[in-house]
PDB file of N, CA and C in Angstrom:
ATOM      1  N   MET A   1      68.861 -31.996 -47.529  1.00  0.00           N
ATOM      2  CA  MET A   1      70.130 -31.880 -46.436  1.00  0.00           C
ATOM      3  C   MET A   1      69.748 -32.331 -45.137  1.00  0.00           C
ATOM      4  N   ARG A   2      69.009 -32.931 -45.058  1.00  0.00           N
ATOM      5  CA  ARG A   2      68.560 -34.081 -43.768  1.00  0.00           C
ATOM      6  C   ARG A   2      69.541 -34.643 -43.100  1.00  0.00           C
ATOM      7  N   ASP A   3      70.503 -35.306 -43.757  1.00  0.00           N
ATOM      8  CA  ASP A   3      71.592 -36.022 -43.264  1.00  0.00           C
ATOM      9  C   ASP A   3      72.824 -35.579 -43.511  1.00  0.00           C
ATOM     10  N   TYR A   4      73.037 -34.607 -44.304  1.00  0.00           N
ATOM     11  CA  TYR A   4      74.377 -33.707 -44.103  1.00  0.00           C
ATOM     12  C   TYR A   4      75.143 -33.671 -42.884  1.00  0.00           C
ATOM     13  N   LYS A   5      76.084 -34.146 -42.884  1.00  0.00           N
ATOM     14  CA  LYS A   5      77.599 -34.146 -42.126  1.00  0.00           C
ATOM     15  C   LYS A   5      78.360 -33.286 -42.533  1.00  0.00           C
ATOM     16  N   PHE A   6      78.905 -32.439 -41.307  1.00  0.00           N
ATOM     17  CA  PHE A   6      79.592 -31.531 -41.976  1.00  0.00           C
ATOM     18  C   PHE A   6      81.441 -32.260 -41.724  1.00  0.00           C
ATOM     19  N   TRP A   7      82.006 -31.606 -42.532  1.00  0.00           N
ATOM     20  CA  TRP A   7      83.284 -32.464 -42.562  1.00  0.00           C
ATOM     21  C   TRP A   7      84.318 -31.850 -41.175  1.00  0.00           C
ATOM     22  N   THR A   8      84.878 -32.752 -40.719  1.00  0.00           N
ATOM     23  CA  THR A   8      85.919 -32.511 -39.890  1.00  0.00           C
ATOM     24  C   THR A   8      87.321 -32.220 -40.621  1.00  0.00           C
ATOM     25  N   THR A   9      87.937 -31.780 -39.548  1.00  0.00           N
ATOM     26  CA  THR A   9      89.197 -31.413 -40.042  1.00  0.00           C
ATOM     27  C   THR A   9      90.149 -32.459 -40.420  1.00  0.00           C
ATOM     28  N   SER A  10      89.930 -33.658 -39.740  1.00  0.00           N
ATOM     29  CA  SER A  10      90.469 -35.064 -39.872  1.00  0.00           C
ATOM     30  C   SER A  10      90.300 -35.387 -40.974  1.00  0.00           C
ATOM     31  N   GLU A  11      89.278 -35.412 -41.547  1.00  0.00           N
ATOM     32  CA  GLU A  11      88.243 -35.882 -42.905  1.00  0.00           C
ATOM     33  C   GLU A  11      89.028 -34.808 -43.880  1.00  0.00           C
ATOM     34  N   ILE A  12      88.929 -33.961 -43.861  1.00  0.00           N
ATOM     35  CA  ILE A  12      89.866 -33.049 -44.935  1.00  0.00           C
ATOM     36  C   ILE A  12      91.123 -33.470 -45.289  1.00  0.00           C
ATOM     37  N   LEU A  13      92.016 -33.471 -44.353  1.00  0.00           N
ATOM     38  CA  LEU A  13      92.980 -34.103 -44.043  1.00  0.00           C
ATOM     39  C   LEU A  13      93.511 -35.740 -44.642  1.00  0.00           C
ATOM     40  N   THR A  14      92.845 -36.432 -43.978  1.00  0.00           N
ATOM     41  CA  THR A  14      92.743 -37.719 -44.920  1.00  0.00           C
ATOM     42  C   THR A  14      92.310 -37.821 -46.554  1.00  0.00           C
ATOM     43  N   LEU A  15      91.291 -36.686 -46.931  1.00  0.00           N
ATOM     44  CA  LEU A  15      90.941 -36.882 -48.080  1.00  0.00           C
ATOM     45  C   LEU A  15      92.363 -36.007 -49.320  1.00  0.00           C
ATOM     46  N   LYS A  16      93.083 -35.203 -48.584  1.00  0.00           N
ATOM     47  CA  LYS A  16      94.273 -34.620 -48.917  1.00  0.00           C
ATOM     48  C   LYS A  16      95.180 -35.495 -49.139  1.00  0.00           C
ATOM     49  N   ALA A  17      95.182 -36.793 -48.302  1.00  0.00           N
ATOM     50  CA  ALA A  17      96.259 -37.753 -48.011  1.00  0.00           C
ATOM     51  C   ALA A  17      95.946 -38.336 -49.143  1.00  0.00           C
ATOM     52  N   GLY A  18      94.790 -38.841 -49.790  1.00  0.00           N
ATOM     53  CA  GLY A  18      94.476 -39.693 -50.942  1.00  0.00           C
ATOM     54  C   GLY A  18      93.543 -40.898 -50.200  1.00  0.00           C
ATOM     55  N   LEU A  19      92.792 -40.442 -49.252  1.00  0.00           N
ATOM     56  CA  LEU A  19      91.730 -41.901 -48.803  1.00  0.00           C
ATOM     57  C   LEU A  19      90.273 -41.214 -48.860  1.00  0.00           C
ATOM     58  N   VAL A  20      89.915 -42.115 -48.764  1.00  0.00           N
ATOM     59  CA  VAL A  20      88.465 -42.015 -48.445  1.00  0.00           C
ATOM     60  C   VAL A  20      87.852 -41.967 -46.953  1.00  0.00           C
ATOM     61  N   PRO A  21      87.441 -40.680 -46.285  1.00  0.00           N
ATOM     62  CA  PRO A  21      87.155 -40.782 -45.074  1.00  0.00           C
ATOM     63  C   PRO A  21      86.128 -41.844 -44.463  1.00  0.00           C
ATOM     64  N   LYS A  22      86.064 -42.869 -43.738  1.00  0.00           N
ATOM     65  CA  LYS A  22      85.429 -43.752 -43.441  1.00  0.00           C
ATOM     66  C   LYS A  22      83.798 -42.971 -42.989  1.00  0.00           C
ATOM     67  N   GLY A  23      82.989 -43.126 -43.657  1.00  0.00           N
ATOM     68  CA  GLY A  23      81.123 -42.736 -43.612  1.00  0.00           C
ATOM     69  C   GLY A  23      81.071 -41.658 -45.095  1.00  0.00           C
ATOM     70  N   ARG A  24      82.191 -41.799 -45.825  1.00  0.00           N
ATOM     71  CA  ARG A  24      82.214 -40.874 -47.117  1.00  0.00           C
ATOM     72  C   ARG A  24      81.952 -41.468 -48.221  1.00  0.00           C
ATOM     73  N   SER A  25      81.422 -41.072 -48.936  1.00  0.00           N
ATOM     74  CA  SER A  25      81.383 -42.039 -50.493  1.00  0.00           C
ATOM     75  C   SER A  25      82.675 -41.157 -51.527  1.00  0.00           C
ATOM     76  N   MET A  26      82.708 -41.784 -52.236  1.00  0.00           N
ATOM     77  CA  MET A  26      83.780 -41.475 -53.198  1.00  0.00           C
ATOM     78  C   MET A  26      83.135 -39.940 -53.895  1.00  0.00           C
ATOM     79  N   THR A  27      81.847 -39.896 -54.516  1.00  0.00           N
ATOM     80  CA  THR A  27      81.019 -38.629 -54.898  1.00  0.00           C
ATOM     81  C   THR A  27      80.911 -37.650 -53.973  1.00  0.00           C
ATOM     82  N   ALA A  28      80.763 -37.922 -52.483  1.00  0.00           N
ATOM     83  CA  ALA A  28      80.712 -36.808 -51.489  1.00  0.00           C
ATOM     84  C   ALA A  28      82.207 -35.773 -51.720  1.00  0.00           C
ATOM     85  N   CYS A  29      83.188 -37.022 -51.565  1.00  0.00           N
ATOM     86  CA  CYS A  29      84.252 -36.330 -51.634  1.00  0.00           C
ATOM     87  C   CYS A  29      84.837 -35.375 -52.934  1.00  0.00           C
ATOM     88  N   ARG A  30      84.352 -36.201 -53.708  1.00  0.00           N
ATOM     89  CA  ARG A  30      84.496 -35.430 -55.063  1.00  0.00           C
ATOM     90  C   ARG A  30      83.916 -34.084 -55.287  1.00  0.00           C
ATOM     91  N   ARG A  31      83.115 -33.840 -54.442  1.00  0.00           N
ATOM     92  CA  ARG A  31      81.698 -33.339 -54.760  1.00  0.00           C
ATOM     93  C   ARG A  31      82.600 -31.927 -53.651  1.00  0.00           C
ATOM     94  N   PHE A  32      82.936 -32.158 -52.456  1.00  0.00           N
ATOM     95  CA  PHE A  32      83.543 -31.640 -51.427  1.00  0.00           C
ATOM     96  C   PHE A  32      84.811 -30.849 -51.790  1.00  0.00           C
ATOM     97  N   CYS A  33      85.459 -31.614 -52.875  1.00  0.00           N
ATOM     98  CA  CYS A  33      86.968 -31.256 -53.622  1.00  0.00           C
ATOM     99  C   CYS A  33      86.477 -29.718 -54.770  1.00  0.00           C
ATOM    100  N   ALA A  34      85.437 -30.083 -55.411  1.00  0.00           N
ATOM    101  CA  ALA A  34      84.866 -28.935 -56.255  1.00  0.00           C
ATOM    102  C   ALA A  34      84.513 -27.921 -55.829  1.00  0.00           C
ATOM    103  N   ARG A  35      83.711 -28.198 -54.634  1.00  0.00           N
ATOM    104  CA  ARG A  35      83.071 -26.577 -53.663  1.00  0.00           C
ATOM    105  C   ARG A  35      84.328 -25.632 -53.060  1.00  0.00           C
ATOM    106  N   ASN A  36      85.432 -26.729 -52.916  1.00  0.00           N
ATOM    107  CA  ASN A  36      86.083 -25.844 -51.752  1.00  0.00           C
ATOM    108  C   ASN A  36      87.333 -25.731 -52.374  1.00  0.00           C
ATOM    109  N   GLY A  37      87.682 -26.072 -53.770  1.00  0.00           N
ATOM    110  CA  GLY A  37      88.676 -25.463 -54.470  1.00  0.00           C
ATOM    111  C   GLY A  37      89.646 -26.567 -54.523  1.00  0.00           C
ATOM    112  N   MET A  38      89.397 -27.794 -53.643  1.00  0.00           N
ATOM    113  CA  MET A  38      90.914 -28.500 -53.678  1.00  0.00           C
ATOM    114  C   MET A  38      90.949 -29.241 -54.818  1.00  0.00           C
ATOM    115  N   LYS A  39      92.203 -30.364 -55.219  1.00  0.00           N
ATOM    116  CA  LYS A  39      92.376 -30.787 -56.502  1.00  0.00           C
ATOM    117  C   LYS A  39      91.668 -32.575 -55.627  1.00  0.00           C
ATOM    118  N   PHE A  40      90.635 -32.996 -56.406  1.00  0.00           N
ATOM    119  CA  PHE A  40      90.455 -34.418 -55.791  1.00  0.00           C
ATOM    120  C   PHE A  40      91.612 -35.277 -56.613  1.00  0.00           C
ATOM    121  N   PRO A  41      91.958 -35.986 -55.493  1.00  0.00           N
ATOM    122  CA  PRO A  41      93.324 -37.240 -56.086  1.00  0.00           C
ATOM    123  C   PRO A  41      93.047 -37.970 -56.639  1.00  0.00           C
ATOM    124  N   GLY A  42      91.863 -38.477 -56.885  1.00  0.00           N
ATOM    125  CA  GLY A  42      91.543 -39.327 -58.223  1.00  0.00           C
ATOM    126  C   GLY A  42      91.020 -40.629 -58.008  1.00  0.00           C
ATOM    127  N   LYS A  43      90.295 -41.485 -58.547  1.00  0.00           N
ATOM    128  CA  LYS A  43      89.615 -42.759 -57.927  1.00  0.00           C
ATOM    129  C   LYS A  43      91.134 -43.804 -57.975  1.00  0.00           C
ATOM    130  N   LYS A  44      91.946 -44.073 -59.014  1.00  0.00           N
ATOM    131  CA  LYS A  44      93.026 -44.651 -59.023  1.00  0.00           C
ATOM    132  C   LYS A  44      93.652 -44.249 -57.827  1.00  0.00           C
ATOM    133  N   THR A  45      94.399 -43.304 -57.381  1.00  0.00           N
ATOM    134  CA  THR A  45      95.118 -43.009 -56.005  1.00  0.00           C
ATOM    135  C   THR A  45      94.554 -43.668 -55.010  1.00  0.00           C
ATOM    136  N   ILE A  46      93.279 -42.995 -54.697  1.00  0.00           N
ATOM    137  CA  ILE A  46      92.311 -43.726 -53.736  1.00  0.00           C
ATOM    138  C   ILE A  46      92.393 -45.089 -53.700  1.00  0.00           C
ATOM    139  N   GLU A  47      92.079 -45.968 -54.861  1.00  0.00           N
ATOM    140  CA  GLU A  47      91.823 -47.106 -54.816  1.00  0.00           C
ATOM    141  C   GLU A  47      93.430 -47.921 -54.349  1.00  0.00           C
ATOM    142  N   ALA A  48      94.165 -47.521 -55.205  1.00  0.00           N
ATOM    143  CA  ALA A  48      95.884 -47.821 -54.630  1.00  0.00           C
ATOM    144  C   ALA A  48      96.384 -47.253 -53.279  1.00  0.00           C
ATOM    145  N   ASN A  49      95.887 -46.648 -52.606  1.00  0.00           N
ATOM    146  CA  ASN A  49      96.600 -46.309 -51.197  1.00  0.00           C
ATOM    147  C   ASN A  49      95.549 -47.267 -50.301  1.00  0.00           C
ATOM    148  N   GLN A  50      94.094 -47.669 -50.632  1.00  0.00           N
ATOM    149  CA  GLN A  50      93.408 -48.252 -49.919  1.00  0.00           C
ATOM    150  C   GLN A  50      93.913 -49.993 -50.214  1.00  0.00           C
ATOM    151  N   GLU A  51      94.329 -50.164 -51.100  1.00  0.00           N
ATOM    152  CA  GLU A  51      94.922 -51.482 -51.521  1.00  0.00           C
ATOM    153  C   GLU A  51      96.159 -51.828 -50.434  1.00  0.00           C
ATOM    154  N   LEU A  52      97.090 -50.569 -50.429  1.00  0.00           N
ATOM    155  CA  LEU A  52      98.097 -50.575 -49.939  1.00  0.00           C
ATOM    156  C   LEU A  52      97.799 -50.961 -48.254  1.00  0.00           C
ATOM    157  N   LEU A  53      97.148 -50.200 -47.794  1.00  0.00           N
ATOM    158  CA  LEU A  53      96.471 -50.600 -46.384  1.00  0.00           C
ATOM    159  C   LEU A  53      96.010 -51.332 -45.898  1.00  0.00           C
ATOM    160  N   ARG A  54      95.108 -51.942 -46.814  1.00  0.00           N
ATOM    161  CA  ARG A  54      94.863 -53.615 -46.658  1.00  0.00           C
ATOM    162  C   ARG A  54      96.295 -54.392 -46.577  1.00  0.00           C
ATOM    163  N   ASN A  55      97.164 -54.474 -47.429  1.00  0.00           N
ATOM    164  CA  ASN A  55      98.206 -55.074 -46.985  1.00  0.00           C
ATOM    165  C   ASN A  55      99.111 -55.052 -46.151  1.00  0.00           C
ATOM    166  N   ILE A  56      98.839 -53.835 -45.581  1.00  0.00           N
ATOM    167  CA  ILE A  56      99.795 -53.761 -44.124  1.00  0.00           C
ATOM    168  C   ILE A  56      99.149 -54.229 -43.090  1.00  0.00           C
ATOM    169  N   GLU A  57      97.798 -53.619 -43.144  1.00  0.00           N
ATOM    170  CA  GLU A  57      96.890 -54.668 -41.862  1.00  0.00           C
ATOM    171  C   GLU A  57      97.125 -56.188 -42.198  1.00  0.00           C
ATOM    172  N   GLU A  58      96.865 -56.528 -43.176  1.00  0.00           N
ATOM    173  CA  GLU A  58      97.224 -58.208 -43.192  1.00  0.00           C
ATOM    174  C   GLU A  58      98.820 -58.697 -42.830  1.00  0.00           C
ATOM    175  N   LYS A  59      99.312 -57.926 -43.133  1.00  0.00           N
ATOM    176  CA  LYS A  59     100.971 -58.227 -42.866  1.00  0.00           C
ATOM    177  C   LYS A  59     101.384 -58.050 -41.203  1.00  0.00           C
ATOM    178  N   GLU A  60     100.543 -57.006 -40.594  1.00  0.00           N
ATOM    179  CA  GLU A  60     100.530 -56.612 -38.860  1.00  0.00           C
ATOM    180  C   GLU A  60      99.830 -57.782 -38.371  1.00  0.00           C
ATOM    181  N   SER A  61      98.585 -58.668 -38.977  1.00  0.00           N
ATOM    182  CA  SER A  61      97.698 -59.642 -38.337  1.00  0.00           C
ATOM    183  C   SER A  61      98.684 -60.670 -38.011  1.00  0.00           C
ATOM    184  N   LYS A  62      99.263 -61.192 -39.160  1.00  0.00           N
ATOM    185  CA  LYS A  62      99.932 -62.290 -39.115  1.00  0.00           C
ATOM    186  C   LYS A  62     100.905 -62.174 -38.642  1.00  0.00           C
ATOM    187  N   ASN A  63     101.659 -61.017 -38.330  1.00  0.00           N
ATOM    188  CA  ASN A  63     103.113 -61.038 -37.174  1.00  0.00           C
ATOM    189  C   ASN A  63     102.504 -60.886 -35.695  1.00  0.00           C
ATOM    190  N   VAL A  64     101.200 -60.793 -35.487  1.00  0.00           N
ATOM    191  CA  VAL A  64     100.959 -60.820 -34.123  1.00  0.00           C
ATOM    192  C   VAL A  64     100.573 -62.471 -33.590  1.00  0.00           C
TER     193      VAL A  64
END
């Protein structure tokens, strides 16, 4: 537990929205959900959301 970092409210809300917070692993998110009685969004949902964000960022960078 020497490198344990407490979860912030914004990280928890990001996880509930189906995204992995920056600096957290998928395993850490899964364990956090299990320990706190939250439903884990699932790997497929998280990967789909990350792909969607990448596509939006690419479109924005082309428009600028």
